[in-house]
Amino acid sequence: MTRVLGGIALVLILGFALVYAAGRGVFGKEMHAGKPAARAIAHEIVGQRADAVSSAAHGIGVAQPKQILFGDLHVHTTFSFDAFTASLPMAGGDGAHPVADACDYARHCSALDFWSITDHDLTLTPRTWSETVESIRQCNAVAADPERPDTVAFLGWEWTQVGSTPANHWGHKNVILRDLEDGKIPTRPITADLPGRGEALRPSPLLLGLLALTEHSGGGSDFARFISATSGVPNCTPGVPVRDLPTDCRELAATPQELFAKLHEWNLASIVIPHGTTWGFYTPLGSSWDKQLTPEQHDPSQQKLIEVFSGHGNSEHFRPYREVAIGADGKRTCPAPADNYLPSCWRAGEIIEARCRAENRPEAECAERHDKQRRAHHPPSVLLHDCCLLFICSMDWDYFC
């Protein structure tokens, strides 16, 4: 019996060790930025493009045409959490697309004159940031003529802030750097963080291990390695001058004011581009840009552009309706329907009331359930946010949402 129990204990220990090792990413592949593989666009073609733009301008009577360039200052690779998870086979993805791929795509598929890498700050580790810098340098080095390059790649990252309420929500902002030389770029990207939040919580290696082992062929082991690496970076000590911080910590800025202050402390050439107003799935209802236009939270020397259009929608389209009404006392209520807009909280009350009546319940009860649902209902954007939080919280890491 002792031997049997000892054997069972040994099997359990080995099983625990296997799951733990899988959760720490031992069986996963480590991603790298890679080196651009495509050659430069021929100098003659670059010249023909510029001549065509100039000729078109003269054709419509512009005596001194300005140079017209096409670019993309919002580019993610699988160094970002969202792009990485979407690339996994278990999510229907077709594999990793590192920084080098983004360079080749910008040069020969999108035919961009310029672009910037802007992977999410939280999942950039000291190693991946260093590799990103080198890959962007290699992308620019491909150009046959540095005085007239076929495309120009800029270094940057996305300050990925998400608030739980309109008061502490600032949204995402892309930070674009002008230079690439040593001494002219930050040692690390500046990461967003909620006010008062401590060091990013680490996921449970056991839960990650179970995922890695059950979904190994689908990329579960790679996912575990990715999460283990990105969650293992400690936060930098607050209050220390940015140039005195060690290279292996995560530098935090909870608000735009702190972000701008740190960029000024670095004293490097950069611009900050906030996302537009159409990013609803992570934006708390009732959020407004009003608080971002104050002297404290807006820096005109840094924030010179805004993203007005993306796959999420058009920020220039004015929508007079509100998805939630917030009174002077801060209480949230469901607004009445407006032209071409039915608030989901309003519709939720109608659905519950209709179901109640279908069950032949008393009118008073149905009216009460209608009002209760309308007050309690969270529109789909918040439901998606909460659902995502629930999934990540099961791994003890709720920050990504």
Protein backbone atom coordinates (compact mmCIF):
# COMPACT_ATOMS: atom_id res chain seq x y z
CA MET A 1 0.00 0.00 0.00
CA THR A 2 2.85 2.37 0.84
CA ARG A 3 4.40 1.75 -2.56
CA VAL A 4 1.06 2.35 -4.29
CA LEU A 5 0.54 5.63 -2.46
CA GLY A 6 4.11 6.61 -3.17
CA GLY A 7 3.63 5.85 -6.84
CA ILE A 8 0.42 7.88 -6.94
CA ALA A 9 2.16 10.78 -5.19
CA LEU A 10 5.04 10.60 -7.67
CA VAL A 11 2.65 10.63 -10.63
CA LEU A 12 0.81 13.64 -9.16
CA ILE A 13 4.06 15.50 -8.57
CA LEU A 14 5.28 14.78 -12.09
CA GLY A 15 1.89 15.78 -13.50
CA PHE A 16 1.93 19.02 -11.50
CA ALA A 17 5.47 19.76 -12.68
CA LEU A 18 4.50 19.06 -16.30
CA VAL A 19 1.48 21.39 -16.13
CA TYR A 20 3.50 24.08 -14.35
CA ALA A 21 6.32 23.87 -16.88
CA ALA A 22 3.81 24.09 -19.73
CA GLY A 23 2.26 27.12 -18.07
CA ARG A 24 5.65 28.81 -17.91
CA GLY A 25 5.96 28.38 -21.66
CA VAL A 26 8.68 25.71 -21.63
CA PHE A 27 7.11 23.90 -24.60
CA GLY A 28 6.25 27.02 -26.60
CA LYS A 29 8.17 28.82 -29.32
CA GLU A 30 9.68 32.23 -28.69
CA MET A 31 8.75 34.89 -31.23
CA HIS A 32 11.31 37.17 -32.83
CA ALA A 33 11.03 40.36 -34.87
CA GLY A 34 12.87 38.86 -37.81
CA LYS A 35 14.76 40.56 -40.62
CA PRO A 36 13.04 42.08 -43.66
CA ALA A 37 13.42 39.76 -46.63
CA ALA A 38 12.15 41.89 -49.51
CA ARG A 39 14.49 44.01 -51.62
CA ALA A 40 14.01 47.72 -52.11
CA ILE A 41 11.69 49.10 -54.78
CA ALA A 42 13.70 50.21 -57.78
CA HIS A 43 14.90 53.80 -57.70
CA GLU A 44 13.30 54.42 -61.10
CA ILE A 45 9.87 53.38 -59.83
CA VAL A 46 10.17 55.65 -56.78
CA GLY A 47 11.03 58.53 -59.10
CA GLN A 48 8.12 57.73 -61.42
CA ARG A 49 5.71 57.87 -58.47
CA ALA A 50 6.95 61.30 -57.43
CA ASP A 51 6.81 62.56 -61.01
CA ALA A 52 3.24 61.28 -61.42
CA VAL A 53 2.10 63.18 -58.32
CA SER A 54 3.80 66.36 -59.51
CA SER A 55 2.35 66.00 -63.00
CA ALA A 56 -1.15 65.49 -61.64
CA ALA A 57 -0.81 68.62 -59.50
CA HIS A 58 0.36 70.72 -62.41
CA GLY A 59 -2.48 69.29 -64.46
CA ILE A 60 -5.05 70.87 -62.17
CA GLY A 61 -3.24 74.21 -62.04
CA VAL A 62 -1.14 73.91 -58.88
CA ALA A 63 1.96 76.00 -59.57
CA GLN A 64 3.98 74.75 -56.58
CA PRO A 65 2.60 71.33 -55.68
CA LYS A 66 3.32 69.97 -52.24
CA GLN A 67 4.69 66.50 -51.82
CA ILE A 68 1.91 63.97 -51.22
CA LEU A 69 2.84 60.91 -49.18
CA PHE A 70 0.81 57.90 -48.10
CA GLY A 71 1.45 56.20 -44.79
CA ASP A 72 0.11 54.20 -41.89
CA LEU A 73 0.96 55.23 -38.31
CA HIS A 74 -0.99 52.42 -36.65
CA VAL A 75 0.56 49.02 -37.34
CA HIS A 76 0.47 45.95 -35.08
CA THR A 77 2.43 42.72 -35.34
CA THR A 78 2.27 39.52 -33.33
CA PHE A 79 4.32 41.26 -30.64
CA SER A 80 0.89 42.67 -29.67
CA PHE A 81 -1.48 40.59 -27.55
CA ASP A 82 -4.50 40.97 -29.84
CA ALA A 83 -2.62 40.24 -33.06
CA PHE A 84 -0.75 37.36 -31.44
CA THR A 85 -3.87 35.58 -30.17
CA ALA A 86 -5.59 36.09 -33.53
CA SER A 87 -2.61 34.48 -35.27
CA LEU A 88 -2.87 31.22 -33.33
CA PRO A 89 -4.34 28.15 -35.09
CA MET A 90 -6.84 27.66 -32.23
CA ALA A 91 -8.19 31.14 -33.07
CA GLY A 92 -8.28 30.45 -36.81
CA GLY A 93 -5.07 32.35 -37.47
CA ASP A 94 -2.41 31.61 -40.08
CA GLY A 95 0.71 32.03 -37.97
CA ALA A 96 2.98 34.75 -36.67
CA HIS A 97 3.56 38.01 -38.54
CA PRO A 98 6.51 39.76 -36.88
CA VAL A 99 7.89 43.26 -37.39
CA ALA A 100 9.90 42.19 -40.44
CA ASP A 101 6.71 41.05 -42.14
CA ALA A 102 5.14 44.46 -41.51
CA CYS A 103 8.13 46.07 -43.22
CA ASP A 104 7.90 43.84 -46.28
CA TYR A 105 4.13 44.34 -46.46
CA ALA A 106 4.42 48.14 -46.24
CA ARG A 107 7.09 48.20 -48.94
CA HIS A 108 5.62 45.83 -51.54
CA CYS A 109 1.95 45.19 -50.71
CA SER A 110 0.64 48.50 -49.38
CA ALA A 111 3.21 50.58 -51.32
CA LEU A 112 3.44 52.98 -48.36
CA ASP A 113 5.76 55.94 -48.40
CA PHE A 114 6.04 55.73 -44.62
CA TRP A 115 4.72 53.68 -41.73
CA SER A 116 5.27 53.19 -38.01
CA ILE A 117 5.29 50.14 -35.82
CA THR A 118 2.91 50.67 -32.88
CA ASP A 119 2.63 47.40 -30.98
CA HIS A 120 0.79 47.47 -27.66
CA ASP A 121 2.98 48.66 -24.80
CA LEU A 122 2.01 46.02 -22.24
CA THR A 123 3.21 43.05 -24.27
CA LEU A 124 6.52 44.62 -25.29
CA THR A 125 9.29 43.17 -23.15
CA PRO A 126 12.89 44.46 -23.04
CA ARG A 127 13.84 41.75 -25.55
CA THR A 128 10.99 42.36 -28.00
CA TRP A 129 11.47 46.14 -27.79
CA SER A 130 15.17 45.76 -28.57
CA GLU A 131 14.36 43.45 -31.49
CA THR A 132 11.72 45.90 -32.73
CA VAL A 133 14.28 48.72 -32.79
CA GLU A 134 16.73 46.59 -34.75
CA SER A 135 14.10 45.34 -37.21
CA ILE A 136 12.94 48.91 -37.96
CA ARG A 137 16.55 49.93 -38.54
CA GLN A 138 16.96 46.99 -40.93
CA CYS A 139 13.76 47.97 -42.73
CA ASN A 140 15.16 51.44 -43.46
CA ALA A 141 18.57 50.02 -44.37
CA VAL A 142 16.98 48.07 -47.25
CA ALA A 143 16.36 51.32 -49.14
CA ALA A 144 18.78 51.58 -52.04
CA ASP A 145 18.99 55.38 -51.86
CA PRO A 146 18.84 56.78 -48.30
CA GLU A 147 18.34 60.28 -49.73
CA ARG A 148 15.24 59.14 -51.64
CA PRO A 149 14.05 55.94 -49.91
CA ASP A 150 11.24 53.80 -51.26
CA THR A 151 9.63 53.72 -47.79
CA VAL A 152 10.49 55.09 -44.34
CA ALA A 153 9.79 53.12 -41.17
CA PHE A 154 9.34 54.87 -37.84
CA LEU A 155 9.68 53.40 -34.38
CA GLY A 156 6.77 53.66 -31.96
CA TRP A 157 4.31 51.92 -29.67
CA GLU A 158 0.69 52.14 -28.56
CA TRP A 159 0.00 53.53 -25.11
CA THR A 160 -2.83 51.13 -24.29
CA GLN A 161 -4.95 52.66 -21.54
CA VAL A 162 -8.40 51.38 -20.60
CA GLY A 163 -10.46 52.86 -17.77
CA SER A 164 -13.28 51.27 -15.83
CA THR A 165 -15.34 54.49 -15.74
CA PRO A 166 -15.57 57.62 -17.92
CA ALA A 167 -13.60 59.47 -15.23
CA ASN A 168 -10.48 57.32 -15.47
CA HIS A 169 -10.68 56.32 -19.14
CA TRP A 170 -8.32 58.01 -21.59
CA GLY A 171 -8.15 55.49 -24.43
CA HIS A 172 -5.26 54.41 -26.62
CA LYS A 173 -2.61 56.70 -28.09
CA ASN A 174 0.13 55.93 -30.61
CA VAL A 175 3.55 57.34 -29.76
CA ILE A 176 5.72 57.86 -32.87
CA LEU A 177 9.45 58.59 -32.63
CA ARG A 178 11.38 60.52 -35.26
CA ASP A 179 14.87 59.12 -34.75
CA LEU A 180 16.41 55.67 -34.54
CA GLU A 181 19.96 56.32 -33.37
CA ASP A 182 21.17 55.18 -29.96
CA GLY A 183 20.61 57.92 -27.42
CA LYS A 184 17.66 59.34 -29.39
CA ILE A 185 15.09 56.70 -28.51
CA PRO A 186 13.67 55.67 -25.11
CA THR A 187 15.17 52.65 -23.41
CA ARG A 188 11.68 51.18 -23.17
CA PRO A 189 8.12 52.06 -24.26
CA ILE A 190 6.00 53.90 -21.71
CA THR A 191 3.14 51.69 -20.61
CA ALA A 192 -0.34 52.76 -19.56
CA ASP A 193 -1.67 51.72 -16.18
CA LEU A 194 -4.79 52.42 -14.15
CA PRO A 195 -4.37 54.91 -11.29
CA GLY A 196 -3.45 53.17 -8.05
CA ARG A 197 -2.79 49.86 -9.72
CA GLY A 198 0.24 47.90 -8.62
CA GLU A 199 2.44 45.62 -10.62
CA ALA A 200 0.61 43.76 -13.38
CA LEU A 201 -0.88 40.56 -12.01
CA ARG A 202 0.68 37.38 -13.29
CA PRO A 203 -1.54 34.63 -14.70
CA SER A 204 -1.77 31.25 -13.03
CA PRO A 205 0.86 28.92 -14.57
CA LEU A 206 -1.42 25.97 -13.82
CA LEU A 207 -4.32 27.37 -15.84
CA LEU A 208 -1.98 28.36 -18.65
CA GLY A 209 -0.40 24.90 -18.45
CA LEU A 210 -3.75 23.16 -18.88
CA LEU A 211 -4.45 25.36 -21.91
CA ALA A 212 -0.98 24.71 -23.32
CA LEU A 213 -1.30 20.93 -23.02
CA THR A 214 -4.88 20.66 -24.29
CA GLU A 215 -4.28 23.09 -27.18
CA HIS A 216 -0.65 22.38 -27.95
CA SER A 217 -1.23 21.85 -31.66
CA GLY A 218 -3.40 24.95 -31.76
CA GLY A 219 -0.74 27.21 -30.32
CA GLY A 220 -1.58 26.84 -26.65
CA SER A 221 2.07 26.32 -25.69
CA ASP A 222 3.12 29.38 -27.68
CA PHE A 223 0.37 31.37 -25.94
CA ALA A 224 1.65 30.25 -22.54
CA ARG A 225 5.21 31.29 -23.42
CA PHE A 226 3.99 34.66 -24.70
CA ILE A 227 1.94 35.38 -21.56
CA SER A 228 4.64 34.15 -19.22
CA ALA A 229 7.26 36.38 -20.85
CA THR A 230 5.15 39.52 -21.02
CA SER A 231 3.79 39.21 -17.49
CA GLY A 232 7.23 38.61 -16.04
CA VAL A 233 8.47 42.18 -16.55
CA PRO A 234 8.43 44.10 -13.23
CA ASN A 235 7.20 47.66 -12.99
CA CYS A 236 9.81 50.39 -12.71
CA THR A 237 10.18 52.23 -9.42
CA PRO A 238 8.00 55.38 -9.58
CA GLY A 239 9.59 58.78 -9.13
CA VAL A 240 12.98 57.78 -10.55
CA PRO A 241 14.25 59.88 -13.51
CA VAL A 242 13.59 57.97 -16.73
CA ARG A 243 17.23 57.80 -17.76
CA ASP A 244 18.21 56.35 -14.37
CA LEU A 245 15.78 53.43 -14.55
CA PRO A 246 17.07 49.93 -15.29
CA THR A 247 16.53 48.49 -18.76
CA ASP A 248 14.54 45.46 -17.59
CA CYS A 249 11.49 47.14 -16.03
CA ARG A 250 8.15 48.43 -17.31
CA GLU A 251 7.81 52.22 -17.22
CA LEU A 252 4.28 53.33 -16.31
CA ALA A 253 2.19 56.42 -17.03
CA ALA A 254 -1.38 56.31 -15.73
CA THR A 255 -2.69 59.41 -17.52
CA PRO A 256 -1.89 61.44 -20.64
CA GLN A 257 -0.39 64.07 -18.36
CA GLU A 258 2.11 61.53 -17.03
CA LEU A 259 2.80 60.23 -20.54
CA PHE A 260 3.60 63.73 -21.84
CA ALA A 261 5.73 64.47 -18.79
CA LYS A 262 7.82 61.35 -19.34
CA LEU A 263 8.23 62.10 -23.05
CA HIS A 264 9.43 65.60 -22.16
CA GLU A 265 11.77 64.09 -19.60
CA TRP A 266 13.24 61.89 -22.32
CA ASN A 267 13.51 65.07 -24.45
CA LEU A 268 13.29 63.18 -27.73
CA ALA A 269 11.48 64.05 -30.97
CA SER A 270 8.05 62.38 -30.86
CA ILE A 271 4.36 62.88 -31.55
CA VAL A 272 1.32 61.34 -29.86
CA ILE A 273 -1.75 60.33 -31.90
CA PRO A 274 -4.90 59.49 -29.93
CA HIS A 275 -7.34 56.96 -31.35
CA GLY A 276 -10.61 58.26 -32.67
CA THR A 277 -13.95 58.14 -30.88
CA THR A 278 -15.26 54.98 -32.54
CA TRP A 279 -13.41 52.45 -30.37
CA GLY A 280 -16.51 51.51 -28.43
CA PHE A 281 -15.77 47.97 -27.32
CA TYR A 282 -13.33 49.04 -24.60
CA THR A 283 -14.73 52.53 -23.91
CA PRO A 284 -16.95 52.96 -20.83
CA LEU A 285 -20.36 54.35 -21.74
CA GLY A 286 -20.59 58.10 -21.27
CA SER A 287 -16.92 58.72 -21.98
CA SER A 288 -16.09 62.09 -23.47
CA TRP A 289 -13.02 63.85 -24.80
CA ASP A 290 -13.78 66.94 -22.72
CA LYS A 291 -11.33 66.00 -19.99
CA GLN A 292 -8.61 65.26 -22.56
CA LEU A 293 -8.64 68.82 -23.89
CA THR A 294 -7.57 70.47 -20.65
CA PRO A 295 -4.09 72.00 -20.33
CA GLU A 296 -3.13 69.19 -17.96
CA GLN A 297 -4.14 66.25 -20.18
CA HIS A 298 -3.38 67.72 -23.61
CA ASP A 299 0.04 68.76 -24.87
CA PRO A 300 -0.13 70.59 -28.22
CA SER A 301 3.62 70.18 -28.69
CA GLN A 302 3.15 66.39 -28.66
CA GLN A 303 -0.47 65.73 -29.65
CA LYS A 304 -0.66 67.18 -33.16
CA LEU A 305 -2.68 64.52 -35.00
CA ILE A 306 -5.75 62.43 -34.33
CA GLU A 307 -6.87 59.16 -35.86
CA VAL A 308 -10.21 60.05 -37.46
CA PHE A 309 -10.94 56.88 -39.40
CA SER A 310 -10.17 53.20 -38.97
CA GLY A 311 -11.81 49.84 -39.37
CA HIS A 312 -13.77 50.65 -36.24
CA GLY A 313 -15.55 53.56 -37.86
CA ASN A 314 -15.49 57.25 -38.76
CA SER A 315 -14.86 59.70 -35.92
CA GLU A 316 -15.86 62.66 -38.07
CA HIS A 317 -19.46 61.48 -38.32
CA PHE A 318 -21.53 63.39 -35.76
CA ARG A 319 -24.00 61.30 -33.81
CA PRO A 320 -26.32 63.45 -31.68
CA TYR A 321 -27.63 60.57 -29.59
CA ARG A 322 -26.23 59.24 -26.32
CA GLU A 323 -26.01 55.58 -25.29
CA VAL A 324 -26.33 56.56 -21.64
CA ALA A 325 -27.44 59.70 -19.82
CA ILE A 326 -25.36 60.88 -16.87
CA GLY A 327 -26.92 63.40 -14.51
CA ALA A 328 -25.20 66.14 -12.49
CA ASP A 329 -25.18 63.75 -9.54
CA GLY A 330 -23.25 61.19 -11.59
CA LYS A 331 -26.14 58.73 -11.81
CA ARG A 332 -26.57 56.87 -15.09
CA THR A 333 -30.00 56.55 -16.70
CA CYS A 334 -31.30 55.12 -19.95
CA PRO A 335 -32.00 57.86 -22.55
CA ALA A 336 -35.11 57.87 -24.67
CA PRO A 337 -34.87 56.74 -28.33
CA ALA A 338 -33.71 59.33 -30.85
CA ASP A 339 -33.97 59.54 -34.62
CA ASN A 340 -32.33 56.46 -36.15
CA TYR A 341 -31.10 55.26 -32.76
CA LEU A 342 -32.64 52.92 -30.22
CA PRO A 343 -30.56 52.64 -27.01
CA SER A 344 -29.90 49.00 -26.19
CA CYS A 345 -30.91 49.62 -22.57
CA TRP A 346 -34.29 50.81 -23.83
CA ARG A 347 -34.68 47.80 -26.11
CA ALA A 348 -33.64 45.44 -23.30
CA GLY A 349 -36.55 46.69 -21.21
CA GLU A 350 -38.96 46.13 -24.10
CA ILE A 351 -37.71 42.56 -24.61
CA ILE A 352 -38.06 41.64 -20.93
CA GLU A 353 -41.52 43.19 -20.77
CA ALA A 354 -42.64 41.26 -23.87
CA ARG A 355 -41.38 37.98 -22.41
CA CYS A 356 -43.15 38.72 -19.15
CA ARG A 357 -46.45 39.32 -20.92
CA ALA A 358 -45.97 36.15 -23.00
CA GLU A 359 -45.89 34.28 -19.68
CA ASN A 360 -49.23 35.93 -18.76
CA ARG A 361 -47.69 37.64 -15.74
CA PRO A 362 -49.49 40.59 -14.10
CA GLU A 363 -49.09 43.95 -15.84
CA ALA A 364 -47.60 45.55 -12.72
CA GLU A 365 -44.93 42.86 -12.49
CA CYS A 366 -44.07 43.19 -16.19
CA ALA A 367 -43.77 46.96 -15.85
CA GLU A 368 -41.50 46.56 -12.84
CA ARG A 369 -39.29 44.05 -14.64
CA HIS A 370 -39.21 46.40 -17.65
CA ASP A 371 -37.96 49.32 -15.55
CA LYS A 372 -35.49 47.19 -13.60
CA GLN A 373 -33.93 45.75 -16.75
CA ARG A 374 -33.66 49.18 -18.35
CA ARG A 375 -31.81 50.50 -15.31
CA ALA A 376 -29.52 47.49 -14.98
CA HIS A 377 -28.82 46.73 -18.62
CA HIS A 378 -25.30 47.08 -20.00
CA PRO A 379 -25.19 47.68 -23.75
CA PRO A 380 -23.27 45.22 -25.91
CA SER A 381 -20.01 47.18 -25.78
CA VAL A 382 -19.84 46.79 -22.01
CA LEU A 383 -21.02 43.19 -22.19
CA LEU A 384 -18.12 42.40 -24.50
CA HIS A 385 -15.77 44.14 -22.11
CA ASP A 386 -17.14 42.25 -19.10
CA CYS A 387 -17.06 38.94 -20.98
CA CYS A 388 -13.45 39.52 -21.89
CA LEU A 389 -12.64 40.43 -18.29
CA LEU A 390 -14.31 37.24 -17.14
CA PHE A 391 -12.17 35.13 -19.48
CA ILE A 392 -8.89 36.80 -18.58
CA CYS A 393 -9.74 36.92 -14.87
CA SER A 394 -10.01 33.15 -14.96
CA MET A 395 -6.26 33.35 -15.61
CA ASP A 396 -5.83 35.98 -12.87
CA TRP A 397 -4.94 38.67 -15.40
CA ASP A 398 -7.65 41.20 -16.18
CA TYR A 399 -5.49 43.97 -17.61
CA PHE A 400 -5.71 43.14 -21.29
CA CYS A 401 -9.35 44.13 -21.45
